[in-house]
Amino acid sequence: MARITHAESKFYGLGDVLKLFPVSRTTFYTMLKNGTFPAGKKIAPRIVLWSKEEVDLFISSKLK
């Protein structure tokens, strides 16, 4: 079975998001709750993924 790598994926996991946008988990979850950070897609009870496009746009807007 072929495994999809992060380079091929259109989504980031929590670890990937926090590497790209280095804030504490508490700050990150507060931003999610407030709607400051784009919402993720829950794909399993304990797994949430974020669209690469949305995260990249958010980060680039914060760098301006």
Protein backbone atom coordinates (compact mmCIF):
# COMPACT_ATOMS: atom_id res chain seq x y z
CA MET A 1 0.00 0.00 0.00
CA ALA A 2 1.36 3.42 -0.96
CA ARG A 3 1.77 5.93 1.83
CA ILE A 4 0.98 9.59 1.24
CA THR A 5 3.79 11.91 2.32
CA HIS A 6 3.31 15.40 3.70
CA ALA A 7 4.63 16.85 0.43
CA GLU A 8 1.78 15.12 -1.45
CA SER A 9 -0.87 15.89 1.15
CA LYS A 10 -3.17 18.90 0.95
CA PHE A 11 -3.46 19.06 4.74
CA TYR A 12 -1.34 19.80 7.79
CA GLY A 13 -1.56 18.02 11.13
CA LEU A 14 -1.30 19.88 14.43
CA GLY A 15 2.46 19.31 14.68
CA ASP A 16 3.00 20.70 11.19
CA VAL A 17 0.88 23.78 11.91
CA LEU A 18 2.74 24.51 15.15
CA LYS A 19 6.10 24.18 13.37
CA LEU A 20 5.02 26.69 10.75
CA PHE A 21 3.25 29.01 13.20
CA PRO A 22 5.20 28.64 16.46
CA VAL A 23 2.82 29.50 19.27
CA SER A 24 1.93 27.52 22.37
CA ARG A 25 -0.87 24.96 22.13
CA THR A 26 -2.90 27.09 24.54
CA THR A 27 -2.54 30.16 22.32
CA PHE A 28 -3.31 28.08 19.23
CA TYR A 29 -6.51 26.62 20.70
CA THR A 30 -7.57 30.07 21.93
CA MET A 31 -7.10 31.39 18.38
CA LEU A 32 -9.24 28.53 17.05
CA LYS A 33 -11.97 29.22 19.62
CA ASN A 34 -11.97 32.94 18.79
CA GLY A 35 -12.02 32.28 15.04
CA THR A 36 -8.64 33.96 14.57
CA PHE A 37 -7.08 30.84 13.07
CA PRO A 38 -8.80 28.85 10.28
CA ALA A 39 -10.85 25.92 11.54
CA GLY A 40 -9.61 22.42 10.87
CA LYS A 41 -11.46 19.37 9.58
CA LYS A 42 -12.08 16.62 12.13
CA ILE A 43 -11.41 13.30 10.39
CA ALA A 44 -11.43 11.05 13.47
CA PRO A 45 -12.29 11.47 17.16
CA ARG A 46 -8.77 12.68 17.99
CA ILE A 47 -7.45 13.81 14.60
CA VAL A 48 -7.93 17.26 13.07
CA LEU A 49 -6.31 18.39 9.83
CA TRP A 50 -5.97 21.91 8.44
CA SER A 51 -6.00 22.86 4.76
CA LYS A 52 -2.49 23.75 3.59
CA GLU A 53 -3.91 26.54 1.46
CA GLU A 54 -5.81 28.15 4.35
CA VAL A 55 -2.89 27.84 6.79
CA ASP A 56 -0.37 29.18 4.27
CA LEU A 57 -2.64 32.16 3.48
CA PHE A 58 -3.13 32.87 7.18
CA ILE A 59 0.61 32.77 7.90
CA SER A 60 1.49 34.92 4.89
CA SER A 61 -1.11 37.51 5.97
CA LYS A 62 0.46 37.65 9.45
CA LEU A 63 3.94 38.21 8.00
CA LYS A 64 2.92 41.36 6.11
